[in-house]
C-alpha cells in the first residue's frame, strides 16, 4: 500500500484449514477500489478458486458506498489471469507506468 490507502484483506481457506487464496480491496480514492495481491495456492491453481475469490471480492466491493469503479494491475505474461479478469468485466485502460503490467478497470454493477 501507498500512504493514505486503506486495505481490507480476505483469505480463502479449505477444510483442513489450509490457505487456498488471498486478496485485498484497496481504496486509493473515494470512488475507486483496487483489487490487489490476488493469490491462489500454487497446488490449487486451475480449479476455479481464483474466479471464486474474485467474484467474492466483487460482491464485497459492491457494498462500498460511493465506489463507482474497480481497478487492478496484472502482469502481461499471465494470460490466465488476464482472461479471468476480462471474463469478469475488466478491460484494459490507460498504460501502467511499468510496461510489464496491464492496468484494467470495470464499473461497479449495482444491479
N, C-alpha and C. Protein backbone atom coordinates (compact mmCIF):
# COMPACT_ATOMS: atom_id res chain seq x y z
N UNK A 1 0.83 -1.18 0.00
CA UNK A 1 0.00 0.00 0.00
C UNK A 1 0.87 1.24 0.00
N UNK A 2 0.31 2.27 -0.53
CA UNK A 2 0.97 3.56 -0.50
C UNK A 2 0.33 4.40 0.58
N UNK A 3 1.00 5.44 0.99
CA UNK A 3 0.48 6.29 2.04
C UNK A 3 -0.94 6.76 1.77
N UNK A 4 -1.81 6.66 2.76
CA UNK A 4 -3.18 7.11 2.63
C UNK A 4 -4.16 6.06 2.15
N UNK A 5 -3.67 5.01 1.52
CA UNK A 5 -4.56 3.94 1.07
C UNK A 5 -5.03 3.13 2.26
N UNK A 6 -6.26 2.64 2.20
CA UNK A 6 -6.74 1.70 3.21
C UNK A 6 -7.01 0.38 2.50
N UNK A 7 -6.75 -0.71 3.17
CA UNK A 7 -6.93 -2.03 2.55
C UNK A 7 -7.66 -2.95 3.50
N UNK A 8 -8.46 -3.83 2.93
CA UNK A 8 -9.10 -4.90 3.67
C UNK A 8 -8.65 -6.20 3.02
N UNK A 9 -8.17 -7.12 3.83
CA UNK A 9 -7.64 -8.39 3.33
C UNK A 9 -8.65 -9.51 3.54
N UNK A 10 -8.65 -10.46 2.59
CA UNK A 10 -9.56 -11.60 2.63
C UNK A 10 -8.75 -12.87 2.37
N UNK A 11 -9.06 -13.91 3.12
CA UNK A 11 -8.41 -15.20 2.94
C UNK A 11 -9.46 -16.24 2.61
N UNK A 12 -9.10 -17.15 1.71
CA UNK A 12 -9.96 -18.29 1.37
C UNK A 12 -9.29 -19.52 1.96
N UNK A 13 -10.01 -20.21 2.84
CA UNK A 13 -9.43 -21.39 3.50
C UNK A 13 -10.26 -22.62 3.18
N UNK A 14 -9.57 -23.76 3.21
CA UNK A 14 -10.23 -25.03 2.97
C UNK A 14 -10.64 -25.69 4.27
N UNK A 15 -11.02 -26.95 4.19
CA UNK A 15 -11.49 -27.69 5.35
C UNK A 15 -10.39 -27.98 6.36
N UNK A 16 -9.13 -28.05 5.93
CA UNK A 16 -8.06 -28.55 6.78
C UNK A 16 -7.69 -27.74 8.01
N UNK A 17 -7.74 -26.52 8.22
CA UNK A 17 -7.90 -25.43 7.25
C UNK A 17 -6.56 -25.06 6.63
N UNK A 18 -6.51 -25.07 5.32
CA UNK A 18 -5.33 -24.64 4.60
C UNK A 18 -5.67 -23.37 3.83
N UNK A 19 -4.69 -22.52 3.68
CA UNK A 19 -4.89 -21.28 2.94
C UNK A 19 -4.94 -21.59 1.45
N UNK A 20 -6.08 -21.32 0.83
CA UNK A 20 -6.26 -21.58 -0.59
C UNK A 20 -6.03 -20.34 -1.45
N UNK A 21 -6.38 -19.19 -0.90
CA UNK A 21 -6.23 -17.97 -1.67
C UNK A 21 -6.26 -16.75 -0.78
N UNK A 22 -5.85 -15.63 -1.37
CA UNK A 22 -5.77 -14.38 -0.63
C UNK A 22 -6.01 -13.24 -1.61
N UNK A 23 -6.67 -12.18 -1.14
CA UNK A 23 -6.86 -10.99 -1.95
C UNK A 23 -7.16 -9.80 -1.08
N UNK A 24 -6.98 -8.63 -1.66
CA UNK A 24 -7.25 -7.39 -0.93
C UNK A 24 -8.10 -6.44 -1.76
N UNK A 25 -8.87 -5.62 -1.07
CA UNK A 25 -9.53 -4.47 -1.66
C UNK A 25 -8.85 -3.25 -1.07
N UNK A 26 -8.26 -2.46 -1.92
CA UNK A 26 -7.53 -1.26 -1.51
C UNK A 26 -8.32 -0.05 -2.00
N UNK A 27 -8.48 0.94 -1.16
CA UNK A 27 -9.25 2.13 -1.52
C UNK A 27 -8.30 3.33 -1.66
N UNK A 28 -7.78 3.54 -2.88
CA UNK A 28 -6.86 4.66 -3.08
C UNK A 28 -7.57 6.01 -3.23
N UNK A 29 -8.83 5.97 -3.63
CA UNK A 29 -9.63 7.18 -3.81
C UNK A 29 -11.04 6.91 -3.33
N UNK A 30 -11.83 7.96 -3.12
CA UNK A 30 -13.19 7.81 -2.61
C UNK A 30 -14.07 6.95 -3.52
N UNK A 31 -13.93 7.09 -4.84
CA UNK A 31 -14.83 6.39 -5.76
C UNK A 31 -14.19 5.18 -6.42
N UNK A 32 -13.01 4.76 -5.95
CA UNK A 32 -12.26 3.67 -6.60
C UNK A 32 -11.84 2.63 -5.57
N UNK A 33 -11.98 1.37 -5.95
CA UNK A 33 -11.39 0.26 -5.19
C UNK A 33 -10.44 -0.48 -6.13
N UNK A 34 -9.34 -0.94 -5.60
CA UNK A 34 -8.38 -1.71 -6.38
C UNK A 34 -8.31 -3.13 -5.83
N UNK A 35 -8.48 -4.10 -6.71
CA UNK A 35 -8.22 -5.49 -6.33
C UNK A 35 -6.71 -5.66 -6.32
N UNK A 36 -6.18 -6.21 -5.25
CA UNK A 36 -4.73 -6.32 -5.12
C UNK A 36 -4.34 -7.65 -4.50
N UNK A 37 -3.13 -8.04 -4.80
CA UNK A 37 -2.50 -9.22 -4.21
C UNK A 37 -3.39 -10.46 -4.30
N UNK A 38 -3.99 -10.68 -5.46
CA UNK A 38 -4.82 -11.87 -5.68
C UNK A 38 -3.88 -13.05 -5.87
N UNK A 39 -3.96 -14.00 -4.95
CA UNK A 39 -3.05 -15.14 -4.98
C UNK A 39 -3.85 -16.41 -4.68
N UNK A 40 -3.59 -17.46 -5.47
CA UNK A 40 -4.16 -18.79 -5.22
C UNK A 40 -2.99 -19.73 -4.97
N UNK A 41 -3.12 -20.60 -3.99
CA UNK A 41 -2.05 -21.56 -3.67
C UNK A 41 -1.62 -22.28 -4.95
N UNK A 42 -0.32 -22.37 -5.19
CA UNK A 42 0.17 -22.97 -6.44
C UNK A 42 -0.41 -24.36 -6.75
N UNK A 43 -0.57 -25.19 -5.73
CA UNK A 43 -1.09 -26.54 -5.97
C UNK A 43 -2.60 -26.58 -6.14
N UNK A 44 -3.27 -25.42 -6.04
CA UNK A 44 -4.73 -25.35 -6.19
C UNK A 44 -5.14 -24.56 -7.43
N UNK A 45 -4.18 -24.13 -8.23
CA UNK A 45 -4.50 -23.34 -9.42
C UNK A 45 -5.15 -24.22 -10.47
N UNK A 46 -6.01 -23.61 -11.27
CA UNK A 46 -6.70 -24.33 -12.33
C UNK A 46 -7.99 -25.00 -11.87
N UNK A 47 -8.38 -24.78 -10.62
CA UNK A 47 -9.59 -25.40 -10.06
C UNK A 47 -10.76 -24.43 -9.96
N UNK A 48 -10.57 -23.20 -10.43
CA UNK A 48 -11.64 -22.21 -10.36
C UNK A 48 -11.65 -21.39 -9.09
N UNK A 49 -10.65 -21.60 -8.23
CA UNK A 49 -10.62 -20.85 -6.97
C UNK A 49 -10.34 -19.37 -7.19
N UNK A 50 -9.53 -19.03 -8.17
CA UNK A 50 -9.26 -17.63 -8.46
C UNK A 50 -10.52 -16.91 -8.90
N UNK A 51 -11.31 -17.56 -9.74
CA UNK A 51 -12.58 -16.97 -10.18
C UNK A 51 -13.53 -16.81 -9.00
N UNK A 52 -13.60 -17.81 -8.15
CA UNK A 52 -14.46 -17.74 -6.97
C UNK A 52 -14.01 -16.61 -6.05
N UNK A 53 -12.73 -16.51 -5.78
CA UNK A 53 -12.20 -15.46 -4.93
C UNK A 53 -12.50 -14.08 -5.51
N UNK A 54 -12.30 -13.92 -6.81
CA UNK A 54 -12.56 -12.62 -7.45
C UNK A 54 -14.05 -12.27 -7.41
N UNK A 55 -14.92 -13.25 -7.63
CA UNK A 55 -16.36 -12.97 -7.55
C UNK A 55 -16.76 -12.53 -6.14
N UNK A 56 -16.18 -13.17 -5.14
CA UNK A 56 -16.46 -12.78 -3.76
C UNK A 56 -15.96 -11.36 -3.49
N UNK A 57 -14.79 -11.02 -4.00
CA UNK A 57 -14.26 -9.67 -3.83
C UNK A 57 -15.14 -8.65 -4.56
N UNK A 58 -15.65 -9.01 -5.75
CA UNK A 58 -16.54 -8.10 -6.48
C UNK A 58 -17.83 -7.88 -5.71
N UNK A 59 -18.36 -8.93 -5.12
CA UNK A 59 -19.57 -8.80 -4.31
C UNK A 59 -19.32 -7.89 -3.12
N UNK A 60 -18.20 -8.09 -2.46
CA UNK A 60 -17.84 -7.24 -1.33
C UNK A 60 -17.65 -5.78 -1.78
N UNK A 61 -17.01 -5.60 -2.91
CA UNK A 61 -16.76 -4.25 -3.44
C UNK A 61 -18.06 -3.50 -3.70
N UNK A 62 -19.08 -4.24 -4.15
CA UNK A 62 -20.35 -3.58 -4.46
C UNK A 62 -21.05 -3.05 -3.21
N UNK A 63 -20.62 -3.48 -2.03
CA UNK A 63 -21.23 -3.00 -0.79
C UNK A 63 -20.62 -1.68 -0.30
N UNK A 64 -19.54 -1.25 -0.93
CA UNK A 64 -18.88 0.00 -0.54
C UNK A 64 -19.68 1.18 -1.09
N UNK A 65 -20.11 2.07 -0.24
CA UNK A 65 -20.85 3.26 -0.64
C UNK A 65 -19.94 4.23 -1.37
N UNK A 66 -20.42 4.74 -2.49
CA UNK A 66 -19.69 5.76 -3.23
C UNK A 66 -18.64 5.26 -4.18
N UNK A 67 -18.37 3.96 -4.18
CA UNK A 67 -17.37 3.41 -5.09
C UNK A 67 -18.03 3.16 -6.44
N UNK A 68 -17.44 3.69 -7.49
CA UNK A 68 -18.00 3.60 -8.82
C UNK A 68 -17.25 2.66 -9.75
N UNK A 69 -15.95 2.46 -9.47
CA UNK A 69 -15.18 1.60 -10.37
C UNK A 69 -14.12 0.82 -9.61
N UNK A 70 -13.71 -0.27 -10.25
CA UNK A 70 -12.69 -1.16 -9.71
C UNK A 70 -11.50 -1.16 -10.66
N UNK A 71 -10.32 -1.22 -10.11
CA UNK A 71 -9.12 -1.28 -10.92
C UNK A 71 -8.24 -2.44 -10.44
N UNK A 72 -7.30 -2.82 -11.26
CA UNK A 72 -6.30 -3.81 -10.88
C UNK A 72 -5.13 -3.71 -11.84
N UNK A 73 -4.03 -4.28 -11.44
CA UNK A 73 -2.87 -4.42 -12.30
C UNK A 73 -2.52 -5.89 -12.40
N UNK A 74 -2.17 -6.32 -13.61
CA UNK A 74 -1.85 -7.73 -13.82
C UNK A 74 -0.63 -7.81 -14.74
N UNK A 75 0.26 -8.74 -14.45
CA UNK A 75 1.43 -8.91 -15.31
C UNK A 75 1.00 -9.39 -16.69
N UNK A 76 1.54 -8.77 -17.71
CA UNK A 76 1.17 -9.10 -19.09
C UNK A 76 1.53 -10.54 -19.46
N UNK A 77 2.48 -11.14 -18.75
CA UNK A 77 2.86 -12.52 -19.05
C UNK A 77 2.02 -13.54 -18.26
N UNK A 78 0.85 -13.12 -17.78
CA UNK A 78 -0.06 -14.00 -17.05
C UNK A 78 -1.40 -14.08 -17.80
N UNK A 79 -1.43 -14.81 -18.94
CA UNK A 79 -2.64 -14.84 -19.75
C UNK A 79 -3.85 -15.44 -19.04
N UNK A 80 -3.64 -16.36 -18.11
CA UNK A 80 -4.78 -16.95 -17.39
C UNK A 80 -5.47 -15.90 -16.54
N UNK A 81 -4.70 -15.07 -15.85
CA UNK A 81 -5.29 -14.01 -15.02
C UNK A 81 -5.96 -12.96 -15.89
N UNK A 82 -5.34 -12.58 -16.99
CA UNK A 82 -5.93 -11.59 -17.90
C UNK A 82 -7.26 -12.11 -18.44
N UNK A 83 -7.30 -13.38 -18.81
CA UNK A 83 -8.55 -13.98 -19.31
C UNK A 83 -9.63 -13.98 -18.23
N UNK A 84 -9.26 -14.31 -17.01
CA UNK A 84 -10.23 -14.31 -15.90
C UNK A 84 -10.77 -12.90 -15.67
N UNK A 85 -9.90 -11.93 -15.57
CA UNK A 85 -10.34 -10.56 -15.31
C UNK A 85 -11.21 -10.04 -16.45
N UNK A 86 -10.86 -10.39 -17.68
CA UNK A 86 -11.68 -9.98 -18.83
C UNK A 86 -13.06 -10.61 -18.75
N UNK A 87 -13.12 -11.88 -18.38
CA UNK A 87 -14.40 -12.56 -18.24
C UNK A 87 -15.26 -11.93 -17.14
N UNK A 88 -14.61 -11.35 -16.14
CA UNK A 88 -15.31 -10.70 -15.04
C UNK A 88 -15.67 -9.25 -15.34
N UNK A 89 -15.41 -8.81 -16.57
CA UNK A 89 -15.82 -7.47 -16.99
C UNK A 89 -14.76 -6.40 -16.94
N UNK A 90 -13.54 -6.77 -16.62
CA UNK A 90 -12.46 -5.79 -16.62
C UNK A 90 -11.93 -5.62 -18.05
N UNK A 91 -11.52 -4.41 -18.37
CA UNK A 91 -10.94 -4.11 -19.67
C UNK A 91 -9.67 -3.30 -19.47
N UNK A 92 -8.76 -3.40 -20.42
CA UNK A 92 -7.52 -2.64 -20.33
C UNK A 92 -7.83 -1.15 -20.36
N UNK A 93 -7.09 -0.41 -19.57
CA UNK A 93 -7.26 1.05 -19.53
C UNK A 93 -5.93 1.71 -19.83
N UNK A 94 -5.75 2.94 -19.43
CA UNK A 94 -4.53 3.69 -19.70
C UNK A 94 -3.29 2.87 -19.34
N UNK A 95 -2.21 3.08 -20.08
CA UNK A 95 -0.98 2.31 -19.80
C UNK A 95 -0.49 2.49 -18.37
N UNK A 96 0.02 1.40 -17.83
CA UNK A 96 0.62 1.40 -16.49
C UNK A 96 2.03 1.98 -16.63
N UNK A 97 2.54 2.66 -15.59
CA UNK A 97 3.91 3.19 -15.65
C UNK A 97 4.97 2.11 -15.91
N UNK A 98 4.68 0.88 -15.48
CA UNK A 98 5.60 -0.24 -15.73
C UNK A 98 5.06 -1.02 -16.92
N UNK A 99 5.79 -1.10 -18.02
CA UNK A 99 5.27 -1.72 -19.24
C UNK A 99 4.91 -3.20 -19.10
N UNK A 100 5.47 -3.89 -18.12
CA UNK A 100 5.15 -5.32 -17.94
C UNK A 100 3.81 -5.55 -17.24
N UNK A 101 3.19 -4.46 -16.79
CA UNK A 101 1.92 -4.56 -16.09
C UNK A 101 0.80 -3.93 -16.92
N UNK A 102 -0.32 -4.60 -17.00
CA UNK A 102 -1.51 -4.08 -17.66
C UNK A 102 -2.46 -3.55 -16.60
N UNK A 103 -2.91 -2.32 -16.78
CA UNK A 103 -3.94 -1.75 -15.90
C UNK A 103 -5.30 -2.12 -16.47
N UNK A 104 -6.19 -2.60 -15.60
CA UNK A 104 -7.54 -2.98 -16.02
C UNK A 104 -8.55 -2.29 -15.11
N UNK A 105 -9.76 -2.13 -15.62
CA UNK A 105 -10.79 -1.41 -14.88
C UNK A 105 -12.17 -1.92 -15.27
N UNK A 106 -13.11 -1.79 -14.35
CA UNK A 106 -14.51 -2.07 -14.63
C UNK A 106 -15.38 -1.20 -13.73
N UNK A 107 -16.60 -0.97 -14.19
CA UNK A 107 -17.57 -0.20 -13.42
C UNK A 107 -18.25 -1.14 -12.45
N UNK A 108 -18.57 -0.65 -11.25
CA UNK A 108 -19.29 -1.47 -10.25
C UNK A 108 -20.71 -1.68 -10.74
N UNK A 109 -21.13 -2.92 -10.72
CA UNK A 109 -22.51 -3.27 -11.09
C UNK A 109 -23.36 -3.26 -9.84
N UNK A 110 -24.27 -2.34 -9.77
CA UNK A 110 -25.14 -2.22 -8.60
C UNK A 110 -26.48 -2.91 -8.82
N UNK A 111 -26.68 -3.51 -9.99
CA UNK A 111 -27.96 -4.14 -10.30
C UNK A 111 -28.03 -5.52 -9.83
